[in-house]
Protein backbone atom coordinates (compact mmCIF):
# COMPACT_ATOMS: atom_id res chain seq x y z
CA MET A 1 139.21 42.47 78.52
CA LYS A 2 136.07 44.08 80.20
CA THR A 3 135.36 42.44 83.71
CA LYS A 4 131.70 40.73 83.94
CA PRO A 5 129.31 42.09 85.90
CA ILE A 6 128.50 40.23 89.14
CA TYR A 7 125.59 41.06 90.63
CA ILE A 8 124.37 40.23 93.86
CA LEU A 9 121.46 40.93 95.89
CA GLY A 10 121.44 42.34 99.26
CA ILE A 11 118.81 41.52 101.77
CA GLU A 12 118.97 42.89 105.35
CA SER A 13 115.84 42.73 108.18
CA SER A 14 117.89 42.09 111.62
CA CYS A 15 115.93 44.84 113.18
CA ASP A 16 113.21 47.26 112.22
CA ASP A 17 114.61 48.60 108.74
CA THR A 18 113.65 45.80 105.64
CA SER A 19 116.34 46.74 103.53
CA ALA A 20 117.86 45.75 99.62
CA ALA A 21 120.40 46.62 97.47
CA VAL A 22 121.97 45.50 94.49
CA ILE A 23 125.90 45.34 93.94
CA CYS A 24 127.37 44.61 90.48
CA ASN A 25 131.28 45.04 91.12
CA GLY A 26 131.45 46.42 93.94
CA LYS A 27 129.26 49.49 93.02
CA ILE A 28 125.81 49.92 94.68
CA LEU A 29 123.27 50.11 91.89
CA SER A 30 120.37 50.36 94.68
CA ASN A 31 119.95 50.53 97.90
CA VAL A 32 116.15 50.68 99.11
CA VAL A 33 115.03 50.91 102.90
CA ALA A 34 111.70 50.81 104.13
CA ASN A 35 111.65 52.20 107.87
CA GLN A 36 108.99 51.08 110.49
CA GLU A 37 108.06 54.14 112.37
CA ILE A 38 105.21 52.31 114.53
CA HIS A 39 108.15 51.48 117.02
CA ALA A 40 108.34 55.65 117.96
CA LYS A 41 105.05 55.49 119.73
CA TYR A 42 106.71 52.32 122.25
CA GLY A 43 109.66 54.58 122.59
CA GLY A 44 111.62 50.99 121.57
CA VAL A 45 111.54 48.19 118.54
CA VAL A 46 108.56 45.91 119.79
CA PRO A 47 110.12 42.58 118.05
CA GLU A 48 106.65 41.39 117.12
CA LEU A 49 105.52 44.57 115.32
CA ALA A 50 108.64 44.47 113.50
CA SER A 51 109.25 41.03 111.93
CA ARG A 52 105.46 41.67 111.09
CA ALA A 53 106.15 44.64 109.16
CA HIS A 54 108.98 43.08 107.62
CA GLN A 55 106.85 40.31 105.74
CA GLN A 56 104.49 43.44 104.65
CA ASN A 57 107.54 45.45 103.32
CA ILE A 58 110.49 43.09 102.21
CA VAL A 59 108.60 42.06 98.54
CA PRO A 60 108.06 45.67 97.38
CA VAL A 61 111.63 46.72 98.61
CA ILE A 62 112.97 43.51 96.62
CA HIS A 63 111.32 44.43 93.85
CA GLN A 64 112.40 48.18 93.65
CA ALA A 65 115.64 47.43 94.42
CA ILE A 66 115.91 45.46 91.63
CA GLU A 67 113.85 48.15 89.27
CA GLN A 68 116.59 50.85 90.24
CA ALA A 69 119.44 48.71 89.23
CA ASN A 70 118.25 48.37 85.91
CA ILE A 71 118.86 44.12 86.03
CA ASP A 72 115.82 41.70 85.47
CA LYS A 73 116.10 39.40 88.54
CA LYS A 74 117.42 36.63 85.72
CA ASP A 75 120.97 38.50 85.97
CA LEU A 76 121.46 38.00 89.95
CA ASN A 77 124.50 35.94 90.13
CA ALA A 78 123.59 35.36 94.06
CA ILE A 79 121.78 36.63 97.30
CA ALA A 80 123.17 37.93 100.31
CA PHE A 81 120.97 38.14 103.86
CA THR A 82 121.77 39.52 107.04
CA ARG A 83 121.93 35.68 109.05
CA GLY A 84 122.35 37.70 112.56
CA PRO A 85 123.20 38.97 114.56
CA GLY A 86 119.44 40.93 115.08
CA LEU A 87 115.96 40.19 116.53
CA MET A 88 114.62 36.19 115.26
CA GLY A 89 111.53 36.83 114.04
CA SER A 90 112.80 39.66 111.38
CA LEU A 91 115.95 37.65 110.47
CA LEU A 92 113.46 34.77 110.03
CA VAL A 93 112.03 36.31 107.22
CA GLY A 94 114.79 37.79 105.46
CA THR A 95 116.39 34.25 105.70
CA SER A 96 113.40 32.44 104.39
CA PHE A 97 112.79 34.74 101.92
CA ALA A 98 116.50 34.87 100.36
CA LYS A 99 116.20 31.12 100.52
CA SER A 100 113.61 30.87 98.28
CA LEU A 101 114.62 33.08 95.54
CA SER A 102 117.68 31.80 95.85
CA LEU A 103 115.91 28.02 95.30
CA ALA A 104 113.58 29.88 92.47
CA LEU A 105 116.23 31.47 90.53
CA ASN A 106 119.08 28.31 91.30
CA ILE A 107 121.59 31.37 92.21
CA PRO A 108 124.01 30.73 95.40
CA LEU A 109 122.91 31.73 98.74
CA ILE A 110 125.73 33.69 100.74
CA ALA A 111 125.07 34.29 104.55
CA VAL A 112 125.96 37.66 106.06
CA ASN A 113 127.37 38.48 109.89
CA HIS A 114 125.46 42.35 110.58
CA MET A 115 128.32 43.41 111.94
CA GLN A 116 131.02 42.20 109.25
CA GLY A 117 128.47 44.68 106.86
CA HIS A 118 129.19 47.32 109.23
CA VAL A 119 132.93 47.30 108.70
CA LEU A 120 132.49 46.42 105.42
CA ALA A 121 130.92 48.79 104.06
CA HIS A 122 133.67 50.90 103.98
CA PHE A 123 134.46 49.11 101.01
CA ILE A 124 131.98 50.09 98.47
CA GLU A 125 133.11 51.43 95.30
CA GLU A 126 132.62 55.08 95.73
CA GLU A 127 133.71 58.50 93.97
CA ASN A 128 136.08 60.41 96.50
CA GLN A 129 135.31 57.73 99.50
CA GLN A 130 139.03 56.28 100.96
CA LYS A 131 139.18 53.05 101.68
CA PRO A 132 141.24 51.24 105.04
CA PRO A 133 143.99 49.61 104.25
CA PHE A 134 144.69 46.76 106.51
CA PRO A 135 145.05 46.51 109.75
CA PHE A 136 143.17 48.68 110.83
CA LEU A 137 140.48 49.12 114.04
CA CYS A 138 137.33 50.01 113.81
CA LEU A 139 135.14 51.61 116.11
CA THR A 140 131.81 50.63 115.70
CA ILE A 141 129.06 51.91 117.57
CA SER A 142 124.81 51.55 117.20
CA GLY A 143 122.01 50.83 119.29
CA GLY A 144 123.07 47.43 120.07
CA HIS A 145 127.31 47.22 120.02
CA THR A 146 129.79 49.01 120.89
CA GLN A 147 133.24 47.80 119.99
CA ILE A 148 136.82 48.30 118.81
CA VAL A 149 137.74 45.94 116.57
CA LYS A 150 140.95 44.87 114.66
CA ILE A 151 140.91 43.96 111.34
CA THR A 152 143.49 42.28 109.79
CA ASN A 153 141.94 40.94 106.65
CA TYR A 154 138.53 41.21 104.88
CA PHE A 155 137.06 38.18 107.39
CA THR A 156 139.93 38.17 110.11
CA MET A 157 138.35 40.68 112.99
CA GLU A 158 138.99 40.53 116.88
CA VAL A 159 136.68 42.35 119.49
CA ILE A 160 139.95 44.23 121.39
CA GLY A 161 137.32 46.07 123.70
CA GLU A 162 133.01 46.18 124.06
CA THR A 163 130.98 47.48 126.61
CA LEU A 164 130.39 45.64 129.88
CA ASP A 165 126.90 46.48 129.52
CA ASP A 166 125.09 49.03 127.47
CA ALA A 167 125.78 50.14 123.69
CA VAL A 168 126.52 53.06 123.32
CA GLY A 169 122.76 53.72 121.07
CA GLU A 170 121.38 52.80 124.04
CA ALA A 171 122.59 55.74 126.04
CA TYR A 172 122.09 58.07 123.72
CA ASP A 173 118.34 57.29 123.71
CA LYS A 174 117.78 56.48 127.40
CA SER A 175 119.06 59.89 127.88
CA ALA A 176 116.66 60.84 125.60
CA LYS A 177 113.89 59.48 127.05
CA ILE A 178 115.06 60.84 130.38
CA LEU A 179 114.59 64.56 128.59
CA GLY A 180 111.38 63.65 127.59
CA LEU A 181 112.59 63.34 123.61
CA PRO A 182 110.44 60.99 121.77
CA TYR A 183 112.33 57.61 119.96
CA PRO A 184 114.71 57.53 118.65
CA GLY A 185 116.27 60.38 120.18
CA GLY A 186 120.16 59.79 119.65
CA PRO A 187 120.02 62.06 116.43
CA LEU A 188 117.89 64.96 118.46
CA ILE A 189 120.33 64.58 121.17
CA ASP A 190 123.30 65.41 118.13
CA SER A 191 121.10 68.37 116.77
CA TYR A 192 120.26 69.81 119.94
CA ALA A 193 123.79 69.35 120.53
CA LYS A 194 125.20 71.89 118.17
CA LEU A 195 123.17 74.65 120.15
CA GLY A 196 124.29 74.16 123.74
CA ASN A 197 127.74 74.76 125.61
CA PRO A 198 129.58 70.60 125.93
CA LYS A 199 131.31 72.09 129.33
CA ALA A 200 127.76 73.21 131.05
CA PHE A 201 126.88 69.91 132.97
CA PRO A 202 130.02 67.93 133.37
CA PHE A 203 128.98 63.83 134.21
CA THR A 204 131.34 61.78 135.74
CA LYS A 205 133.04 59.35 133.10
CA PRO A 206 133.02 55.39 134.45
CA LYS A 207 136.45 53.81 135.04
CA VAL A 208 136.63 50.29 133.21
CA ASP A 209 139.75 48.67 132.92
CA GLY A 210 141.63 47.82 129.43
CA LEU A 211 139.90 48.57 126.02
CA ASN A 212 136.07 48.09 127.49
CA PHE A 213 133.26 50.77 127.82
CA SER A 214 130.31 51.32 130.32
CA PHE A 215 127.23 53.85 130.11
CA SER A 216 125.08 52.44 132.51
CA GLY A 217 126.61 54.06 135.22
CA LEU A 218 126.50 57.42 133.04
CA LYS A 219 122.76 56.77 131.98
CA THR A 220 121.99 56.64 135.82
CA ALA A 221 123.91 59.41 136.96
CA ILE A 222 121.91 61.69 134.14
CA LEU A 223 118.71 60.56 135.60
CA TYR A 224 119.78 61.38 139.18
CA PHE A 225 120.86 64.71 138.02
CA ILE A 226 118.03 65.67 135.79
CA GLN A 227 115.11 64.11 138.67
CA LYS A 228 117.55 66.78 141.57
CA LYS A 229 117.50 69.74 139.11
CA VAL A 230 113.83 69.07 138.21
CA LYS A 231 112.83 69.44 141.95
CA GLU A 232 114.54 72.34 142.11
CA ASN A 233 113.24 73.96 138.57
CA SER A 234 110.20 72.47 137.10
CA LYS A 235 110.71 73.97 133.89
CA PHE A 236 114.72 73.05 134.23
CA ILE A 237 115.05 70.62 131.00
CA GLU A 238 112.77 73.17 128.94
CA GLU A 239 115.32 76.23 130.01
CA ASN A 240 118.87 73.97 129.39
CA LEU A 241 118.18 71.67 126.83
CA HIS A 242 120.80 72.58 124.32
CA ASP A 243 123.19 72.72 127.19
CA ILE A 244 122.18 69.32 128.79
CA CYS A 245 122.19 67.58 125.39
CA ALA A 246 125.62 69.31 124.41
CA SER A 247 126.75 67.93 127.69
CA ILE A 248 125.84 64.18 127.22
CA GLN A 249 127.00 64.34 123.97
CA TYR A 250 130.51 65.83 124.78
CA THR A 251 131.13 63.15 127.60
CA ILE A 252 129.73 60.43 125.29
CA VAL A 253 132.35 61.14 122.71
CA GLN A 254 135.50 61.80 125.26
CA ILE A 255 134.97 58.46 126.64
CA LEU A 256 134.64 56.40 123.33
CA PHE A 257 137.79 58.87 121.97
CA ASN A 258 139.83 58.45 125.03
CA LYS A 259 139.70 54.58 124.64
CA LEU A 260 139.80 54.95 120.66
CA GLN A 261 143.44 56.91 122.12
CA LYS A 262 144.61 53.46 124.49
CA ALA A 263 143.97 51.21 121.84
CA VAL A 264 145.84 53.23 118.90
CA GLN A 265 149.02 53.23 121.98
CA GLN A 266 148.39 49.35 122.77
CA THR A 267 148.21 48.22 119.03
CA GLU A 268 149.87 51.28 117.55
CA ILE A 269 147.69 50.80 114.48
CA LYS A 270 146.90 54.23 113.45
CA HIS A 271 143.97 54.00 110.73
CA ILE A 272 140.60 54.20 112.50
CA ALA A 273 137.33 53.54 110.57
CA ILE A 274 134.08 53.96 112.31
CA ALA A 275 131.03 52.08 111.00
CA GLY A 276 126.97 51.54 112.62
CA GLY A 277 124.42 53.98 113.30
CA VAL A 278 126.29 56.11 115.80
CA SER A 279 128.75 56.45 113.55
CA ALA A 280 126.26 59.14 111.84
CA ASN A 281 126.84 61.36 115.02
CA SER A 282 128.27 65.03 113.97
CA GLU A 283 130.08 64.96 117.23
CA ILE A 284 132.02 62.17 116.89
CA ARG A 285 133.13 62.28 112.90
CA LYS A 286 133.99 65.87 114.18
CA VAL A 287 136.33 64.64 116.64
CA LEU A 288 137.74 61.92 115.29
CA LYS A 289 138.33 64.16 112.15
CA SER A 290 140.14 67.16 113.99
CA ASN A 291 142.36 64.67 116.07
CA GLU A 292 144.03 63.38 112.64
CA GLU A 293 146.80 65.84 112.73
CA THR A 294 147.94 66.03 116.17
CA LEU A 295 147.90 62.08 116.76
CA GLY A 296 149.10 61.11 113.43
CA TRP A 297 145.67 59.26 112.70
CA THR A 298 144.07 59.08 109.21
CA THR A 299 140.20 58.49 109.78
CA TYR A 300 137.81 56.77 107.31
CA ILE A 301 134.28 57.64 107.86
CA PRO A 302 131.29 56.21 105.43
CA LYS A 303 128.76 57.50 103.56
CA PHE A 304 125.98 58.43 105.66
CA GLU A 305 123.65 55.68 104.08
CA TYR A 306 125.70 53.34 104.81
CA THR A 307 126.18 53.60 108.74
CA THR A 308 122.09 52.64 109.72
CA ASP A 309 121.47 49.25 108.81
CA ASN A 310 120.71 49.03 105.21
CA ALA A 311 121.67 46.17 102.68
CA GLY A 312 124.14 48.02 100.73
CA MET A 313 126.85 46.37 103.68
CA ILE A 314 125.24 43.30 103.33
CA ALA A 315 126.11 43.18 99.48
CA ILE A 316 129.04 44.16 99.87
CA VAL A 317 129.59 41.38 102.10
CA GLY A 318 128.02 38.93 100.09
CA TYR A 319 129.88 40.66 97.17
CA LEU A 320 133.81 39.69 98.83
CA LYS A 321 132.24 36.59 100.07
CA TYR A 322 131.59 35.72 96.28
CA LEU A 323 134.83 36.17 94.74
CA GLU A 324 135.99 33.41 97.49
CA ASN A 325 133.39 31.10 96.83
CA ASP A 326 132.09 31.36 100.12
CA PHE A 327 128.99 30.44 99.65
CA SER A 328 125.98 28.96 102.44
CA LYS A 329 123.92 25.81 102.63
CA ASP A 330 119.74 26.03 102.06
CA THR A 331 120.29 24.61 106.14
CA THR A 332 122.00 27.85 107.17
CA ALA A 333 120.08 28.87 110.03
CA ALA A 334 119.23 32.61 111.36
CA THR A 335 120.91 32.95 114.77
CA ALA A 336 119.96 36.10 117.34
CA ARG A 337 123.41 36.23 118.90
CA LEU A 338 126.77 36.01 116.41
CA LYS A 339 130.30 37.49 117.16
CA VAL A 340 131.72 40.25 114.38
CA SER A 341 134.64 37.07 114.04
CA GLU A 342 131.96 34.42 112.63
CA ASN A 343 131.01 34.20 109.35
């Protein structure tokens, strides 16, 4: 018997990317993202500018997503939207539009936790893409989050380790700023690091108990190191950029990897997934994959397009919730703070 198609529209507007996606029975038909380049000149996301850009982008982005999926909006079975966490002004744009559209089409509304979206992106139906079995550990790394999450089933998630200060994405971007690189600097450090020596400049790794992380001390150490070297040689950054980036990247990846090893030892779970914008980092992917055989792990790495903020990951959560008849009321409010364990 042929399965009836279930079409879910996903809307993501938690930060500075406006995105819409259409999913059919777990398979992505379209995933449109409008980036906001205006923030680059300010060296970081400006919330007010972000929400204004969402207002400009949301209609054309949703129109394009439905058109690319080759369906009519009347074919949609539900609207899934990012409820939080994120920038309140940005979340309100997506939330308001989702509510209005669900009301106009008389179809269910599904609120989605952005962080659950990153984790559950692993369950998007993709050719040659392995899905992690339950239970598994997920290293969720982005500009705003660094967490090790124990995933028991689709909607039972427990944070067993997290950053006490800066997220790993912030550590990359702040280090890049110290080096005079443009925002966002994380991808540039990753790119330059491939050409440098990771052992050229050793940086001290912070000592943090348990499975928690800390990156603020590392950022300060990098700042003082660069200030000292530039005082001695004004062309130090220019002459050693690749080695500096490689050394920064090596230190950050080792911090993440060591904590992940400890988490595996404590939980005895050997299925490891990564999620979030920083999971696009080439060195993190390489280190996890290259150690699979030695440590007896199986590593699950999402497609590059599902790592950064996108509506495809919101749509898959919406689809999974639709199957459970887990719908939201039109009084559901956006919230800037939301734990990964909260729906």
